[in-house]
Amino acid sequence: MKKIALLLLPASLGGCVVGQIADTAVDVVTLPVKAVSAGVDAATTSQSEADEKRGREMRKADEQRGKLARQLAERCRAGKTLPGDDCSRLPR
């Protein structure tokens, strides 16, 4: 009985080994494709990503202009203007 069990053991495990080898082969074949795909995604910018970046840049520039305008208004109110300041353009 032991001899029969020992002879049947490799045959019963054969499917598992073949399945594992097939899975590994598929992983090895698809790995370069996945790597190239990830590289292309990292190197290229979609239109929506470009639009988002441009929008962030515009908002940042608007914030900077607003900050400078508030600083100018404060200097004009305090009477501590700089040589390039034009306080006549400010609303009263």
C-alpha atoms as a PDB file:
ATOM      1  CA  MET A   1       0.000   0.000   0.000  1.00  0.00           C
ATOM      2  CA  LYS A   2       2.835   2.400   0.801  1.00  0.00           C
ATOM      3  CA  LYS A   3       4.409   1.759  -2.576  1.00  0.00           C
ATOM      4  CA  ILE A   4       1.191   2.628  -4.393  1.00  0.00           C
ATOM      5  CA  ALA A   5       0.789   5.809  -2.369  1.00  0.00           C
ATOM      6  CA  LEU A   6       4.371   6.835  -3.138  1.00  0.00           C
ATOM      7  CA  LEU A   7       3.847   6.193  -6.842  1.00  0.00           C
ATOM      8  CA  LEU A   8       0.593   8.178  -6.973  1.00  0.00           C
ATOM      9  CA  LEU A   9       1.916  11.162  -4.997  1.00  0.00           C
ATOM     10  CA  PRO A  10       4.000  12.711  -7.828  1.00  0.00           C
ATOM     11  CA  ALA A  11       1.164  12.202 -10.305  1.00  0.00           C
ATOM     12  CA  SER A  12      -1.323  13.954  -8.037  1.00  0.00           C
ATOM     13  CA  LEU A  13       0.997  16.919  -7.517  1.00  0.00           C
ATOM     14  CA  GLY A  14       1.870  17.218 -11.208  1.00  0.00           C
ATOM     15  CA  GLY A  15      -1.058  19.492 -11.993  1.00  0.00           C
ATOM     16  CA  CYS A  16      -0.106  21.899  -9.215  1.00  0.00           C
ATOM     17  CA  VAL A  17       3.470  22.139 -10.431  1.00  0.00           C
ATOM     18  CA  VAL A  18       2.439  22.644 -14.046  1.00  0.00           C
ATOM     19  CA  GLY A  19      -0.093  25.284 -13.029  1.00  0.00           C
ATOM     20  CA  GLN A  20       2.496  27.126 -10.949  1.00  0.00           C
ATOM     21  CA  ILE A  21       5.021  27.023 -13.799  1.00  0.00           C
ATOM     22  CA  ALA A  22       2.393  28.365 -16.205  1.00  0.00           C
ATOM     23  CA  ASP A  23       1.504  31.213 -13.823  1.00  0.00           C
ATOM     24  CA  THR A  24       5.174  32.078 -13.429  1.00  0.00           C
ATOM     25  CA  ALA A  25       5.686  32.019 -17.201  1.00  0.00           C
ATOM     26  CA  VAL A  26       2.761  34.414 -17.680  1.00  0.00           C
ATOM     27  CA  ASP A  27       4.173  36.751 -15.027  1.00  0.00           C
ATOM     28  CA  VAL A  28       7.603  36.701 -16.664  1.00  0.00           C
ATOM     29  CA  VAL A  29       6.135  37.465 -20.089  1.00  0.00           C
ATOM     30  CA  THR A  30       3.857  40.296 -18.918  1.00  0.00           C
ATOM     31  CA  LEU A  31       6.404  41.962 -16.633  1.00  0.00           C
ATOM     32  CA  PRO A  32       8.230  43.883 -19.412  1.00  0.00           C
ATOM     33  CA  VAL A  33       4.912  45.069 -20.833  1.00  0.00           C
ATOM     34  CA  LYS A  34       3.809  46.350 -17.421  1.00  0.00           C
ATOM     35  CA  ALA A  35       7.175  48.052 -16.861  1.00  0.00           C
ATOM     36  CA  VAL A  36       7.081  49.820 -20.231  1.00  0.00           C
ATOM     37  CA  SER A  37       3.480  50.842 -19.686  1.00  0.00           C
ATOM     38  CA  ALA A  38       4.311  52.353 -16.301  1.00  0.00           C
ATOM     39  CA  GLY A  39       7.258  54.195 -17.821  1.00  0.00           C
ATOM     40  CA  VAL A  40       5.135  55.651 -20.611  1.00  0.00           C
ATOM     41  CA  ASP A  41       2.472  56.753 -18.116  1.00  0.00           C
ATOM     42  CA  ALA A  42       5.119  58.469 -16.002  1.00  0.00           C
ATOM     43  CA  ALA A  43       6.748  60.168 -19.000  1.00  0.00           C
ATOM     44  CA  THR A  44       3.592  61.487 -20.670  1.00  0.00           C
ATOM     45  CA  THR A  45       1.014  63.940 -19.446  1.00  0.00           C
ATOM     46  CA  SER A  46      -2.640  63.604 -20.311  1.00  0.00           C
ATOM     47  CA  GLN A  47      -4.661  66.643 -21.341  1.00  0.00           C
ATOM     48  CA  SER A  48      -6.582  66.636 -18.052  1.00  0.00           C
ATOM     49  CA  GLU A  49      -3.334  66.515 -16.067  1.00  0.00           C
ATOM     50  CA  ALA A  50      -1.969  69.429 -18.106  1.00  0.00           C
ATOM     51  CA  ASP A  51      -5.197  71.385 -17.513  1.00  0.00           C
ATOM     52  CA  GLU A  52      -5.027  70.736 -13.760  1.00  0.00           C
ATOM     53  CA  LYS A  53      -1.397  71.871 -13.650  1.00  0.00           C
ATOM     54  CA  ARG A  54      -2.186  75.044 -15.591  1.00  0.00           C
ATOM     55  CA  GLY A  55      -5.124  75.770 -13.288  1.00  0.00           C
ATOM     56  CA  ARG A  56      -2.897  75.393 -10.213  1.00  0.00           C
ATOM     57  CA  GLU A  57      -0.328  77.743 -11.752  1.00  0.00           C
ATOM     58  CA  MET A  58      -3.032  80.322 -12.532  1.00  0.00           C
ATOM     59  CA  ARG A  59      -4.483  80.161  -9.017  1.00  0.00           C
ATOM     60  CA  LYS A  60      -1.003  80.555  -7.522  1.00  0.00           C
ATOM     61  CA  ALA A  61      -0.306  83.585  -9.731  1.00  0.00           C
ATOM     62  CA  ASP A  62      -3.681  85.117  -8.751  1.00  0.00           C
ATOM     63  CA  GLU A  63      -2.893  84.612  -5.079  1.00  0.00           C
ATOM     64  CA  GLN A  64       0.506  86.273  -5.525  1.00  0.00           C
ATOM     65  CA  ARG A  65      -1.040  89.271  -7.345  1.00  0.00           C
ATOM     66  CA  GLY A  66      -3.656  89.615  -4.599  1.00  0.00           C
ATOM     67  CA  LYS A  67      -0.979  89.502  -1.922  1.00  0.00           C
ATOM     68  CA  LEU A  68       1.043  92.205  -3.675  1.00  0.00           C
ATOM     69  CA  ALA A  69      -2.089  94.355  -4.113  1.00  0.00           C
ATOM     70  CA  ARG A  70      -2.911  94.069  -0.397  1.00  0.00           C
ATOM     71  CA  GLN A  71       0.661  94.998   0.513  1.00  0.00           C
ATOM     72  CA  LEU A  72       0.501  98.039  -1.800  1.00  0.00           C
ATOM     73  CA  ALA A  73      -2.822  99.131  -0.301  1.00  0.00           C
ATOM     74  CA  GLU A  74      -1.420  98.799   3.211  1.00  0.00           C
ATOM     75  CA  ARG A  75       1.682 100.829   2.328  1.00  0.00           C
ATOM     76  CA  CYS A  76      -0.499 103.540   0.761  1.00  0.00           C
ATOM     77  CA  ARG A  77      -2.765 103.685   3.834  1.00  0.00           C
ATOM     78  CA  ALA A  78       0.222 103.848   6.164  1.00  0.00           C
ATOM     79  CA  GLY A  79       1.965 106.490   4.059  1.00  0.00           C
ATOM     80  CA  LYS A  80       5.075 104.334   3.659  1.00  0.00           C
ATOM     81  CA  THR A  81       5.090 103.970  -0.105  1.00  0.00           C
ATOM     82  CA  LEU A  82       7.968 102.640  -2.132  1.00  0.00           C
ATOM     83  CA  PRO A  83       9.370 104.594  -5.109  1.00  0.00           C
ATOM     84  CA  GLY A  84       7.426 102.498  -7.649  1.00  0.00           C
ATOM     85  CA  ASP A  85       4.076 102.550  -5.827  1.00  0.00           C
ATOM     86  CA  ASP A  86       1.122 104.246  -7.562  1.00  0.00           C
ATOM     87  CA  CYS A  87      -1.450 104.918  -4.870  1.00  0.00           C
ATOM     88  CA  SER A  88      -3.667 106.937  -7.238  1.00  0.00           C
ATOM     89  CA  ARG A  89      -4.810 103.713  -8.896  1.00  0.00           C
ATOM     90  CA  LEU A  90      -6.272 102.316  -5.652  1.00  0.00           C
ATOM     91  CA  PRO A  91     -10.004 102.639  -4.970  1.00  0.00           C
ATOM     92  CA  ARG A  92     -10.848 104.967  -2.131  1.00  0.00           C
END
